[in-house]
Amino acid sequence: MPKTPKSSPPKTAKTKANRAKRRRLLLALRLTVRKEKLERAERHAGIKQEPRAGKPRTRRASRR
């Protein structure tokens, strides 16, 4: 026998506030992570572009 759909409980002011708070926190977290990733990528790109001081770039030894 198929299940009958159950109605959701009424939305209270407290649950609405909690959901809004959680949405804001998750948005802030996503933005922070995105900014950190951008900065990290820029740092790595900067490291890769400039030549190493002292000795020329050589091939890495095989890891095997």
C-alpha atoms as a PDB file:
ATOM      1  CA  MET A   1       0.000   0.000   0.000  1.00  0.00           C
ATOM      2  CA  PRO A   2       1.453   3.440  -0.923  1.00  0.00           C
ATOM      3  CA  LYS A   3       2.255   5.832   1.855  1.00  0.00           C
ATOM      4  CA  THR A   4       0.029   8.858   2.257  1.00  0.00           C
ATOM      5  CA  PRO A   5       1.870  12.181   2.212  1.00  0.00           C
ATOM      6  CA  LYS A   6       2.348  13.641   5.661  1.00  0.00           C
ATOM      7  CA  SER A   7       1.918  17.368   6.130  1.00  0.00           C
ATOM      8  CA  SER A   8       4.916  19.233   7.497  1.00  0.00           C
ATOM      9  CA  PRO A   9       4.685  20.837  10.924  1.00  0.00           C
ATOM     10  CA  PRO A  10       3.807  24.533  11.067  1.00  0.00           C
ATOM     11  CA  LYS A  11       6.774  26.830  10.658  1.00  0.00           C
ATOM     12  CA  THR A  12       7.454  28.743  13.847  1.00  0.00           C
ATOM     13  CA  ALA A  13       9.401  31.983  14.166  1.00  0.00           C
ATOM     14  CA  LYS A  14      12.193  30.096  15.977  1.00  0.00           C
ATOM     15  CA  THR A  15      12.671  27.543  13.179  1.00  0.00           C
ATOM     16  CA  LYS A  16      12.583  30.284  10.546  1.00  0.00           C
ATOM     17  CA  ALA A  17      15.239  32.259  12.450  1.00  0.00           C
ATOM     18  CA  ASN A  18      17.424  29.184  12.868  1.00  0.00           C
ATOM     19  CA  ARG A  19      17.184  28.329   9.184  1.00  0.00           C
ATOM     20  CA  ALA A  20      18.015  31.913   8.197  1.00  0.00           C
ATOM     21  CA  LYS A  21      20.999  31.923  10.577  1.00  0.00           C
ATOM     22  CA  ARG A  22      22.251  28.629   9.187  1.00  0.00           C
ATOM     23  CA  ARG A  23      21.868  29.898   5.607  1.00  0.00           C
ATOM     24  CA  ARG A  24      23.869  33.038   6.440  1.00  0.00           C
ATOM     25  CA  LEU A  25      26.602  31.047   8.164  1.00  0.00           C
ATOM     26  CA  LEU A  26      26.889  28.567   5.275  1.00  0.00           C
ATOM     27  CA  LEU A  27      26.994  31.404   2.751  1.00  0.00           C
ATOM     28  CA  ALA A  28      29.759  33.147   4.719  1.00  0.00           C
ATOM     29  CA  LEU A  29      31.658  29.867   4.960  1.00  0.00           C
ATOM     30  CA  ARG A  30      31.369  29.245   1.205  1.00  0.00           C
ATOM     31  CA  LEU A  31      32.578  32.762   0.433  1.00  0.00           C
ATOM     32  CA  THR A  32      35.516  32.396   2.830  1.00  0.00           C
ATOM     33  CA  VAL A  33      36.551  29.079   1.299  1.00  0.00           C
ATOM     34  CA  ARG A  34      36.268  30.525  -2.217  1.00  0.00           C
ATOM     35  CA  LYS A  35      38.449  33.508  -1.249  1.00  0.00           C
ATOM     36  CA  GLU A  36      41.056  31.257   0.385  1.00  0.00           C
ATOM     37  CA  LYS A  37      41.145  29.012  -2.691  1.00  0.00           C
ATOM     38  CA  LEU A  38      41.682  32.038  -4.940  1.00  0.00           C
ATOM     39  CA  GLU A  39      44.500  33.348  -2.752  1.00  0.00           C
ATOM     40  CA  ARG A  40      46.102  29.909  -2.595  1.00  0.00           C
ATOM     41  CA  ALA A  41      45.903  29.525  -6.384  1.00  0.00           C
ATOM     42  CA  GLU A  42      47.479  32.956  -6.859  1.00  0.00           C
ATOM     43  CA  ARG A  43      50.286  32.093  -4.442  1.00  0.00           C
ATOM     44  CA  HIS A  44      50.976  28.829  -6.231  1.00  0.00           C
ATOM     45  CA  ALA A  45      50.885  30.500  -9.632  1.00  0.00           C
ATOM     46  CA  GLY A  46      53.338  33.101  -8.354  1.00  0.00           C
ATOM     47  CA  ILE A  47      55.657  30.408  -7.067  1.00  0.00           C
ATOM     48  CA  LYS A  48      55.534  28.520 -10.363  1.00  0.00           C
ATOM     49  CA  GLN A  49      56.225  31.591 -12.517  1.00  0.00           C
ATOM     50  CA  GLU A  50      59.400  32.877 -10.931  1.00  0.00           C
ATOM     51  CA  PRO A  51      62.582  30.829 -11.504  1.00  0.00           C
ATOM     52  CA  ARG A  52      64.329  29.174  -8.607  1.00  0.00           C
ATOM     53  CA  ALA A  53      67.291  31.099  -7.249  1.00  0.00           C
ATOM     54  CA  GLY A  54      70.667  29.394  -7.445  1.00  0.00           C
ATOM     55  CA  LYS A  55      70.246  26.269  -9.532  1.00  0.00           C
ATOM     56  CA  PRO A  56      68.306  25.763 -12.751  1.00  0.00           C
ATOM     57  CA  ARG A  57      65.098  23.790 -12.828  1.00  0.00           C
ATOM     58  CA  THR A  58      65.775  20.099 -13.296  1.00  0.00           C
ATOM     59  CA  ARG A  59      63.525  17.103 -13.764  1.00  0.00           C
ATOM     60  CA  ARG A  60      62.358  15.433 -10.585  1.00  0.00           C
ATOM     61  CA  ALA A  61      63.641  11.945  -9.876  1.00  0.00           C
ATOM     62  CA  SER A  62      61.148   9.172 -10.425  1.00  0.00           C
ATOM     63  CA  ARG A  63      59.159   8.295  -7.316  1.00  0.00           C
ATOM     64  CA  ARG A  64      59.485   4.577  -8.055  1.00  0.00           C
END
